[in-house]
């Protein structure tokens, strides 16, 4: 049977790796979400339309939305 022996430097690198793995997982999840969005043409059209609305000033404030919906701020 083979016995594995770790040096102090090995342990240091393993600890560092253990700290980085959760960060890598988050990055991978974000990349997969980005790929999903980029693969959805309808969603991309909607995003582009929203960006045009913002550039052209077609915005509604929260208070404006409440007024349009005939709601009082206290009701929300």
PDB file of N, CA and C in Angstrom:
ATOM      1  N   UNK A   1       0.849  -1.188   0.000  1.00  0.00           N
ATOM      2  CA  UNK A   1       0.000   0.000   0.000  1.00  0.00           C
ATOM      3  C   UNK A   1       0.890   1.246   0.000  1.00  0.00           C
ATOM      4  N   UNK A   2       0.486   2.242  -0.760  1.00  0.00           N
ATOM      5  CA  UNK A   2       1.266   3.466  -0.888  1.00  0.00           C
ATOM      6  C   UNK A   2       0.773   4.475   0.145  1.00  0.00           C
ATOM      7  N   UNK A   3       1.701   5.094   0.826  1.00  0.00           N
ATOM      8  CA  UNK A   3       1.355   6.111   1.828  1.00  0.00           C
ATOM      9  C   UNK A   3       1.679   7.482   1.243  1.00  0.00           C
ATOM     10  N   UNK A   4       0.742   8.399   1.340  1.00  0.00           N
ATOM     11  CA  UNK A   4       0.939   9.751   0.832  1.00  0.00           C
ATOM     12  C   UNK A   4       1.414  10.639   1.969  1.00  0.00           C
ATOM     13  N   UNK A   5       2.465  11.379   1.696  1.00  0.00           N
ATOM     14  CA  UNK A   5       3.019  12.282   2.702  1.00  0.00           C
ATOM     15  C   UNK A   5       2.961  13.695   2.127  1.00  0.00           C
ATOM     16  N   UNK A   6       2.336  14.603   2.872  1.00  0.00           N
ATOM     17  CA  UNK A   6       2.239  15.987   2.444  1.00  0.00           C
ATOM     18  C   UNK A   6       3.237  16.835   3.217  1.00  0.00           C
ATOM     19  N   UNK A   7       3.905  17.704   2.495  1.00  0.00           N
ATOM     20  CA  UNK A   7       4.799  18.659   3.150  1.00  0.00           C
ATOM     21  C   UNK A   7       3.962  19.826   3.649  1.00  0.00           C
ATOM     22  N   UNK A   8       4.576  20.685   4.414  1.00  0.00           N
ATOM     23  CA  UNK A   8       3.872  21.880   4.899  1.00  0.00           C
ATOM     24  C   UNK A   8       3.459  22.766   3.720  1.00  0.00           C
ATOM     25  N   UNK A   9       4.318  22.817   2.713  1.00  0.00           N
ATOM     26  CA  UNK A   9       3.986  23.602   1.519  1.00  0.00           C
ATOM     27  C   UNK A   9       2.780  22.994   0.799  1.00  0.00           C
ATOM     28  N   UNK A  10       2.711  21.663   0.715  1.00  0.00           N
ATOM     29  CA  UNK A  10       1.555  20.991   0.116  1.00  0.00           C
ATOM     30  C   UNK A  10       0.283  21.355   0.867  1.00  0.00           C
ATOM     31  N   UNK A  11       0.349  21.317   2.176  1.00  0.00           N
ATOM     32  CA  UNK A  11      -0.831  21.646   3.001  1.00  0.00           C
ATOM     33  C   UNK A  11      -1.263  23.092   2.776  1.00  0.00           C
ATOM     34  N   UNK A  12      -0.273  23.962   2.643  1.00  0.00           N
ATOM     35  CA  UNK A  12      -0.565  25.384   2.395  1.00  0.00           C
ATOM     36  C   UNK A  12      -1.331  25.529   1.081  1.00  0.00           C
ATOM     37  N   UNK A  13      -0.861  24.854   0.027  1.00  0.00           N
ATOM     38  CA  UNK A  13      -1.528  24.942  -1.272  1.00  0.00           C
ATOM     39  C   UNK A  13      -2.915  24.294  -1.249  1.00  0.00           C
ATOM     40  N   UNK A  14      -3.061  23.220  -0.513  1.00  0.00           N
ATOM     41  CA  UNK A  14      -4.377  22.575  -0.393  1.00  0.00           C
ATOM     42  C   UNK A  14      -5.373  23.474   0.325  1.00  0.00           C
ATOM     43  N   UNK A  15      -4.916  24.164   1.361  1.00  0.00           N
ATOM     44  CA  UNK A  15      -5.798  25.107   2.068  1.00  0.00           C
ATOM     45  C   UNK A  15      -6.218  26.238   1.132  1.00  0.00           C
ATOM     46  N   UNK A  16      -5.254  26.752   0.380  1.00  0.00           N
ATOM     47  CA  UNK A  16      -5.557  27.838  -0.567  1.00  0.00           C
ATOM     48  C   UNK A  16      -6.554  27.349  -1.629  1.00  0.00           C
ATOM     49  N   UNK A  17      -6.334  26.145  -2.128  1.00  0.00           N
ATOM     50  CA  UNK A  17      -7.246  25.571  -3.114  1.00  0.00           C
ATOM     51  C   UNK A  17      -8.649  25.414  -2.534  1.00  0.00           C
ATOM     52  N   UNK A  18      -8.736  24.952  -1.300  1.00  0.00           N
ATOM     53  CA  UNK A  18     -10.038  24.781  -0.645  1.00  0.00           C
ATOM     54  C   UNK A  18     -10.762  26.117  -0.499  1.00  0.00           C
ATOM     55  N   UNK A  19     -10.019  27.208  -0.327  1.00  0.00           N
ATOM     56  CA  UNK A  19     -10.630  28.541  -0.231  1.00  0.00           C
ATOM     57  C   UNK A  19     -11.142  29.018  -1.586  1.00  0.00           C
ATOM     58  N   UNK A  20     -10.456  28.618  -2.647  1.00  0.00           N
ATOM     59  CA  UNK A  20     -10.794  29.110  -3.981  1.00  0.00           C
ATOM     60  C   UNK A  20     -11.923  28.332  -4.652  1.00  0.00           C
ATOM     61  N   UNK A  21     -12.139  27.089  -4.295  1.00  0.00           N
ATOM     62  CA  UNK A  21     -13.145  26.258  -4.957  1.00  0.00           C
ATOM     63  C   UNK A  21     -14.541  26.894  -4.912  1.00  0.00           C
ATOM     64  N   UNK A  22     -15.000  27.403  -3.760  1.00  0.00           N
ATOM     65  CA  UNK A  22     -16.338  28.040  -3.767  1.00  0.00           C
ATOM     66  C   UNK A  22     -16.421  29.228  -4.729  1.00  0.00           C
ATOM     67  N   UNK A  23     -15.341  29.988  -4.833  1.00  0.00           N
ATOM     68  CA  UNK A  23     -15.337  31.129  -5.759  1.00  0.00           C
ATOM     69  C   UNK A  23     -15.446  30.639  -7.199  1.00  0.00           C
ATOM     70  N   UNK A  24     -14.724  29.564  -7.508  1.00  0.00           N
ATOM     71  CA  UNK A  24     -14.790  29.006  -8.862  1.00  0.00           C
ATOM     72  C   UNK A  24     -16.186  28.491  -9.184  1.00  0.00           C
ATOM     73  N   UNK A  25     -16.836  27.916  -8.187  1.00  0.00           N
ATOM     74  CA  UNK A  25     -18.197  27.412  -8.398  1.00  0.00           C
ATOM     75  C   UNK A  25     -19.147  28.557  -8.744  1.00  0.00           C
ATOM     76  N   UNK A  26     -19.014  29.659  -8.030  1.00  0.00           N
ATOM     77  CA  UNK A  26     -19.861  30.829  -8.298  1.00  0.00           C
ATOM     78  C   UNK A  26     -19.604  31.357  -9.703  1.00  0.00           C
ATOM     79  N   UNK A  27     -18.333  31.443 -10.085  1.00  0.00           N
ATOM     80  CA  UNK A  27     -17.991  31.918 -11.429  1.00  0.00           C
ATOM     81  C   UNK A  27     -18.593  31.002 -12.487  1.00  0.00           C
ATOM     82  N   UNK A  28     -18.508  29.700 -12.285  1.00  0.00           N
ATOM     83  CA  UNK A  28     -19.073  28.751 -13.251  1.00  0.00           C
ATOM     84  C   UNK A  28     -20.587  28.924 -13.366  1.00  0.00           C
ATOM     85  N   UNK A  29     -21.271  29.102 -12.229  1.00  0.00           N
ATOM     86  CA  UNK A  29     -22.722  29.314 -12.261  1.00  0.00           C
ATOM     87  C   UNK A  29     -23.063  30.578 -13.038  1.00  0.00           C
ATOM     88  N   UNK A  30     -22.285  31.647 -12.813  1.00  0.00           N
ATOM     89  CA  UNK A  30     -22.531  32.902 -13.516  1.00  0.00           C
ATOM     90  C   UNK A  30     -22.299  32.738 -15.020  1.00  0.00           C
ATOM     91  N   UNK A  31     -21.260  32.011 -15.382  1.00  0.00           N
ATOM     92  CA  UNK A  31     -20.993  31.778 -16.806  1.00  0.00           C
ATOM     93  C   UNK A  31     -22.118  30.980 -17.457  1.00  0.00           C
ATOM     94  N   UNK A  32     -22.621  29.968 -16.763  1.00  0.00           N
ATOM     95  CA  UNK A  32     -23.721  29.177 -17.309  1.00  0.00           C
ATOM     96  C   UNK A  32     -24.984  30.024 -17.480  1.00  0.00           C
ATOM     97  N   UNK A  33     -25.253  30.904 -16.521  1.00  0.00           N
ATOM     98  CA  UNK A  33     -26.407  31.805 -16.644  1.00  0.00           C
ATOM     99  C   UNK A  33     -26.234  32.726 -17.840  1.00  0.00           C
ATOM    100  N   UNK A  34     -25.017  33.241 -18.027  1.00  0.00           N
ATOM    101  CA  UNK A  34     -24.741  34.124 -19.158  1.00  0.00           C
ATOM    102  C   UNK A  34     -24.955  33.393 -20.473  1.00  0.00           C
ATOM    103  N   UNK A  35     -24.476  32.161 -20.549  1.00  0.00           N
ATOM    104  CA  UNK A  35     -24.656  31.358 -21.766  1.00  0.00           C
ATOM    105  C   UNK A  35     -26.144  31.138 -22.033  1.00  0.00           C
ATOM    106  N   UNK A  36     -26.919  30.873 -20.972  1.00  0.00           N
ATOM    107  CA  UNK A  36     -28.369  30.702 -21.141  1.00  0.00           C
ATOM    108  C   UNK A  36     -29.013  31.956 -21.708  1.00  0.00           C
ATOM    109  N   UNK A  37     -28.641  33.112 -21.163  1.00  0.00           N
ATOM    110  CA  UNK A  37     -29.216  34.374 -21.638  1.00  0.00           C
ATOM    111  C   UNK A  37     -28.826  34.622 -23.088  1.00  0.00           C
ATOM    112  N   UNK A  38     -27.547  34.433 -23.406  1.00  0.00           N
ATOM    113  CA  UNK A  38     -27.083  34.688 -24.767  1.00  0.00           C
ATOM    114  C   UNK A  38     -27.704  33.732 -25.779  1.00  0.00           C
ATOM    115  N   UNK A  39     -28.170  32.585 -25.325  1.00  0.00           N
ATOM    116  CA  UNK A  39     -28.800  31.625 -26.220  1.00  0.00           C
ATOM    117  C   UNK A  39     -30.289  31.832 -26.392  1.00  0.00           C
ATOM    118  N   UNK A  40     -30.857  32.795 -25.681  1.00  0.00           N
ATOM    119  CA  UNK A  40     -32.296  33.043 -25.725  1.00  0.00           C
ATOM    120  C   UNK A  40     -32.555  34.320 -26.525  1.00  0.00           C
ATOM    121  N   UNK A  41     -32.849  34.163 -27.808  1.00  0.00           N
ATOM    122  CA  UNK A  41     -33.035  35.325 -28.693  1.00  0.00           C
ATOM    123  C   UNK A  41     -34.173  36.235 -28.241  1.00  0.00           C
ATOM    124  N   UNK A  42     -35.246  35.651 -27.768  1.00  0.00           N
ATOM    125  CA  UNK A  42     -36.383  36.467 -27.321  1.00  0.00           C
ATOM    126  C   UNK A  42     -35.981  37.335 -26.121  1.00  0.00           C
ATOM    127  N   UNK A  43     -35.250  36.744 -25.197  1.00  0.00           N
ATOM    128  CA  UNK A  43     -34.787  37.502 -24.029  1.00  0.00           C
ATOM    129  C   UNK A  43     -33.826  38.606 -24.450  1.00  0.00           C
ATOM    130  N   UNK A  44     -32.932  38.319 -25.382  1.00  0.00           N
ATOM    131  CA  UNK A  44     -31.998  39.340 -25.856  1.00  0.00           C
ATOM    132  C   UNK A  44     -32.734  40.495 -26.536  1.00  0.00           C
ATOM    133  N   UNK A  45     -33.768  40.182 -27.326  1.00  0.00           N
ATOM    134  CA  UNK A  45     -34.572  41.251 -27.950  1.00  0.00           C
ATOM    135  C   UNK A  45     -35.227  42.117 -26.879  1.00  0.00           C
ATOM    136  N   UNK A  46     -35.735  41.483 -25.843  1.00  0.00           N
ATOM    137  CA  UNK A  46     -36.374  42.218 -24.756  1.00  0.00           C
ATOM    138  C   UNK A  46     -35.369  43.116 -24.025  1.00  0.00           C
ATOM    139  N   UNK A  47     -34.178  42.598 -23.796  1.00  0.00           N
ATOM    140  CA  UNK A  47     -33.132  43.398 -23.133  1.00  0.00           C
ATOM    141  C   UNK A  47     -32.766  44.599 -23.997  1.00  0.00           C
ATOM    142  N   UNK A  48     -32.591  44.365 -25.292  1.00  0.00           N
ATOM    143  CA  UNK A  48     -32.251  45.480 -26.202  1.00  0.00           C
ATOM    144  C   UNK A  48     -33.362  46.530 -26.226  1.00  0.00           C
ATOM    145  N   UNK A  49     -34.602  46.095 -26.230  1.00  0.00           N
ATOM    146  CA  UNK A  49     -35.732  47.030 -26.226  1.00  0.00           C
ATOM    147  C   UNK A  49     -35.740  47.837 -24.928  1.00  0.00           C
ATOM    148  N   UNK A  50     -35.463  47.180 -23.830  1.00  0.00           N
ATOM    149  CA  UNK A  50     -35.411  47.877 -22.544  1.00  0.00           C
ATOM    150  C   UNK A  50     -34.278  48.899 -22.518  1.00  0.00           C
ATOM    151  N   UNK A  51     -33.131  48.533 -23.076  1.00  0.00           N
ATOM    152  CA  UNK A  51     -32.012  49.476 -23.145  1.00  0.00           C
ATOM    153  C   UNK A  51     -32.378  50.697 -23.989  1.00  0.00           C
ATOM    154  N   UNK A  52     -33.120  50.477 -25.094  1.00  0.00           N
ATOM    155  CA  UNK A  52     -33.576  51.602 -25.924  1.00  0.00           C
ATOM    156  C   UNK A  52     -34.520  52.495 -25.124  1.00  0.00           C
ATOM    157  N   UNK A  53     -35.434  51.873 -24.386  1.00  0.00           N
ATOM    158  CA  UNK A  53     -36.366  52.655 -23.564  1.00  0.00           C
ATOM    159  C   UNK A  53     -35.609  53.530 -22.572  1.00  0.00           C
ATOM    160  N   UNK A  54     -34.585  52.965 -21.954  1.00  0.00           N
ATOM    161  CA  UNK A  54     -33.793  53.731 -20.985  1.00  0.00           C
ATOM    162  C   UNK A  54     -33.093  54.894 -21.676  1.00  0.00           C
ATOM    163  N   UNK A  55     -32.427  54.622 -22.810  1.00  0.00           N
ATOM    164  CA  UNK A  55     -31.715  55.681 -23.547  1.00  0.00           C
ATOM    165  C   UNK A  55     -32.656  56.797 -23.972  1.00  0.00           C
ATOM    166  N   UNK A  56     -33.875  56.425 -24.341  1.00  0.00           N
ATOM    167  CA  UNK A  56     -34.829  57.410 -24.850  1.00  0.00           C
ATOM    168  C   UNK A  56     -35.715  58.002 -23.754  1.00  0.00           C
ATOM    169  N   UNK A  57     -35.410  57.654 -22.506  1.00  0.00           N
ATOM    170  CA  UNK A  57     -36.099  58.282 -21.381  1.00  0.00           C
ATOM    171  C   UNK A  57     -37.493  57.764 -21.107  1.00  0.00           C
ATOM    172  N   UNK A  58     -37.832  56.636 -21.655  1.00  0.00           N
ATOM    173  CA  UNK A  58     -39.163  56.061 -21.389  1.00  0.00           C
ATOM    174  C   UNK A  58     -39.099  55.246 -20.097  1.00  0.00           C
ATOM    175  N   UNK A  59     -39.089  55.984 -19.005  1.00  0.00           N
ATOM    176  CA  UNK A  59     -38.977  55.382 -17.677  1.00  0.00           C
ATOM    177  C   UNK A  59     -40.151  55.790 -16.814  1.00  0.00           C
ATOM    178  N   UNK A  60     -40.404  55.013 -15.791  1.00  0.00           N
ATOM    179  CA  UNK A  60     -41.462  55.323 -14.846  1.00  0.00           C
ATOM    180  C   UNK A  60     -40.888  55.134 -13.451  1.00  0.00           C
ATOM    181  N   UNK A  61     -40.975  56.173 -12.633  1.00  0.00           N
ATOM    182  CA  UNK A  61     -40.467  56.069 -11.265  1.00  0.00           C
ATOM    183  C   UNK A  61     -41.387  55.169 -10.452  1.00  0.00           C
ATOM    184  N   UNK A  62     -40.908  54.751  -9.302  1.00  0.00           N
ATOM    185  CA  UNK A  62     -41.720  53.916  -8.429  1.00  0.00           C
ATOM    186  C   UNK A  62     -43.000  54.640  -8.030  1.00  0.00           C
ATOM    187  N   UNK A  63     -42.872  55.909  -7.683  1.00  0.00           N
ATOM    188  CA  UNK A  63     -44.056  56.694  -7.315  1.00  0.00           C
ATOM    189  C   UNK A  63     -44.997  56.841  -8.506  1.00  0.00           C
ATOM    190  N   UNK A  64     -44.411  57.017  -9.695  1.00  0.00           N
ATOM    191  CA  UNK A  64     -45.230  57.108 -10.896  1.00  0.00           C
ATOM    192  C   UNK A  64     -45.980  55.810 -11.168  1.00  0.00           C
ATOM    193  N   UNK A  65     -45.324  54.697 -10.921  1.00  0.00           N
ATOM    194  CA  UNK A  65     -45.966  53.393 -11.097  1.00  0.00           C
ATOM    195  C   UNK A  65     -47.120  53.231 -10.123  1.00  0.00           C
ATOM    196  N   UNK A  66     -46.883  53.602  -8.866  1.00  0.00           N
ATOM    197  CA  UNK A  66     -47.957  53.508  -7.873  1.00  0.00           C
ATOM    198  C   UNK A  66     -49.147  54.366  -8.281  1.00  0.00           C
ATOM    199  N   UNK A  67     -48.856  55.569  -8.761  1.00  0.00           N
ATOM    200  CA  UNK A  67     -49.926  56.461  -9.189  1.00  0.00           C
ATOM    201  C   UNK A  67     -50.685  55.846 -10.366  1.00  0.00           C
ATOM    202  N   UNK A  68     -49.940  55.286 -11.324  1.00  0.00           N
ATOM    203  CA  UNK A  68     -50.575  54.677 -12.486  1.00  0.00           C
ATOM    204  C   UNK A  68     -51.453  53.488 -12.088  1.00  0.00           C
ATOM    205  N   UNK A  69     -51.025  52.756 -11.066  1.00  0.00           N
ATOM    206  CA  UNK A  69     -51.788  51.604 -10.589  1.00  0.00           C
ATOM    207  C   UNK A  69     -52.839  51.992  -9.551  1.00  0.00           C
ATOM    208  N   UNK A  70     -52.899  53.289  -9.265  1.00  0.00           N
ATOM    209  CA  UNK A  70     -53.844  53.819  -8.282  1.00  0.00           C
ATOM    210  C   UNK A  70     -53.648  53.165  -6.914  1.00  0.00           C
ATOM    211  N   UNK A  71     -52.369  53.098  -6.519  1.00  0.00           N
ATOM    212  CA  UNK A  71     -52.012  52.541  -5.193  1.00  0.00           C
ATOM    213  C   UNK A  71     -51.375  53.607  -4.330  1.00  0.00           C
ATOM    214  N   UNK A  72     -51.556  53.470  -3.046  1.00  0.00           N
ATOM    215  CA  UNK A  72     -50.922  54.349  -2.086  1.00  0.00           C
ATOM    216  C   UNK A  72     -49.614  53.688  -1.655  1.00  0.00           C
ATOM    217  N   UNK A  73     -48.593  54.492  -1.424  1.00  0.00           N
ATOM    218  CA  UNK A  73     -47.289  53.960  -1.034  1.00  0.00           C
ATOM    219  C   UNK A  73     -47.371  53.112   0.237  1.00  0.00           C
ATOM    220  N   UNK A  74     -48.298  53.423   1.097  1.00  0.00           N
ATOM    221  CA  UNK A  74     -48.468  52.684   2.353  1.00  0.00           C
ATOM    222  C   UNK A  74     -49.048  51.297   2.125  1.00  0.00           C
ATOM    223  N   UNK A  75     -49.699  51.106   0.980  1.00  0.00           N
ATOM    224  CA  UNK A  75     -50.313  49.814   0.667  1.00  0.00           C
ATOM    225  C   UNK A  75     -49.290  48.792   0.182  1.00  0.00           C
ATOM    226  N   UNK A  76     -48.139  49.281  -0.209  1.00  0.00           N
ATOM    227  CA  UNK A  76     -47.135  48.384  -0.798  1.00  0.00           C
ATOM    228  C   UNK A  76     -46.173  47.860   0.223  1.00  0.00           C
TER     229      UNK A  76
END
